Protein backbone atom coordinates (compact mmCIF):
# COMPACT_ATOMS: atom_id res chain seq x y z
CA MET A 1 -8.50 7.78 -30.85
CA THR A 2 -5.06 6.51 -29.97
CA LYS A 3 -4.93 9.09 -27.17
CA PHE A 4 -8.17 7.55 -25.82
CA ILE A 5 -6.83 4.02 -25.99
CA LYS A 6 -3.48 4.96 -24.23
CA ILE A 7 -5.36 6.72 -21.61
CA SER A 8 -7.68 3.90 -21.18
CA ILE A 9 -4.77 1.38 -20.89
CA PHE A 10 -3.07 3.69 -18.43
CA LEU A 11 -6.24 3.95 -16.30
CA PHE A 12 -6.65 0.17 -16.30
CA CYS A 13 -3.05 -0.24 -15.11
CA LEU A 14 -3.52 2.39 -12.43
CA PHE A 15 -6.83 0.81 -11.27
CA ILE A 16 -5.16 -2.70 -11.10
CA THR A 17 -2.20 -1.53 -9.13
CA THR A 18 -4.26 0.71 -6.83
CA MET A 19 -6.69 -2.02 -5.96
CA VAL A 20 -4.46 -5.10 -6.08
CA PHE A 21 -1.12 -3.68 -4.75
CA GLY A 22 -2.34 -1.21 -2.30
CA ARG A 23 -1.65 2.22 -4.01
CA SER A 24 -3.59 4.88 -2.27
CA SER A 25 -6.75 6.34 -3.85
CA GLU A 26 -5.24 9.82 -3.52
CA TRP A 27 -2.14 8.81 -5.70
CA PHE A 28 -4.53 7.36 -8.19
CA GLU A 29 -6.66 10.57 -8.31
CA THR A 30 -3.67 12.79 -8.56
CA THR A 31 -2.01 10.90 -11.39
CA THR A 32 -5.10 10.52 -13.28
CA ALA A 33 -5.79 14.36 -12.99
CA HIS A 34 -2.19 15.13 -14.01
CA MET A 35 -2.58 12.95 -17.07
CA VAL A 36 -5.86 14.38 -18.20
CA LYS A 37 -4.87 18.04 -17.71
CA ASN A 38 -2.85 20.00 -20.38
CA SER A 39 0.01 20.34 -18.05
CA CYS A 40 1.23 16.79 -19.05
CA ASP A 41 2.36 16.53 -22.65
CA ARG A 42 2.76 13.46 -24.79
CA ASN A 43 6.14 12.51 -23.52
CA CYS A 44 5.03 12.86 -19.99
CA ARG A 45 1.99 10.57 -20.36
CA ILE A 46 4.22 8.03 -22.26
CA GLU A 47 6.62 8.03 -19.26
CA ILE A 48 3.99 7.67 -16.64
CA MET A 49 2.37 4.81 -18.53
CA GLU A 50 5.68 2.97 -19.08
CA ASN A 51 6.63 3.48 -15.38
CA GLU A 52 3.22 2.23 -14.27
CA ILE A 53 3.25 -0.77 -16.49
CA GLU A 54 6.77 -1.64 -15.31
CA TYR A 55 5.87 -1.35 -11.82
CA SER A 56 2.68 -3.41 -12.23
CA VAL A 57 4.55 -6.26 -14.01
CA LEU A 58 7.33 -6.21 -11.29
CA LEU A 59 4.69 -6.44 -8.48
CA LEU A 60 2.86 -9.16 -10.32
CA MET A 61 6.08 -11.16 -10.74
CA LYS A 62 6.91 -10.82 -7.10
CA SER A 63 3.46 -11.96 -6.17
CA VAL A 64 3.78 -15.12 -8.50
CA LEU A 65 7.22 -15.95 -7.06
CA ALA A 66 6.01 -15.75 -3.55
CA GLU A 67 3.23 -18.11 -4.53
CA LEU A 68 5.55 -20.57 -6.19
CA GLN A 69 7.84 -20.38 -3.10
CA TYR A 70 4.93 -21.27 -0.92
CA GLN A 71 3.95 -24.21 -2.91
CA LEU A 72 7.38 -25.58 -3.03
CA GLU A 73 7.68 -25.31 0.74
CA GLU A 74 4.37 -27.12 1.12
CA LYS A 75 5.50 -29.87 -1.11
CA THR A 76 8.75 -30.20 0.76
CA ARG A 77 6.94 -30.41 4.11
CA LYS A 78 4.60 -33.15 2.72
CA LYS A 79 7.66 -35.21 1.60
CA ILE A 80 9.31 -34.88 5.02
CA TRP A 81 6.17 -35.94 6.81
CA GLU A 82 5.71 -38.92 4.54
CA LYS A 83 9.01 -40.39 5.27
């Protein structure tokens, strides 16, 4: 049961990074096949999941920071035009 949950979480992360952050579908298919096959042991799966989650979080943070920077620039422009 825990293996199913871990693989489900991993697939969710793969799906999110593939669709939102532009990972190729080929990469998604290759990584998923590698995870499901017996060639990838428990440590391999854990490492892939940790790396994918870390990558997803970093890209999400980068996107949030870019949005915040944009909003700050817009507020600055509005204040300059109001003067």
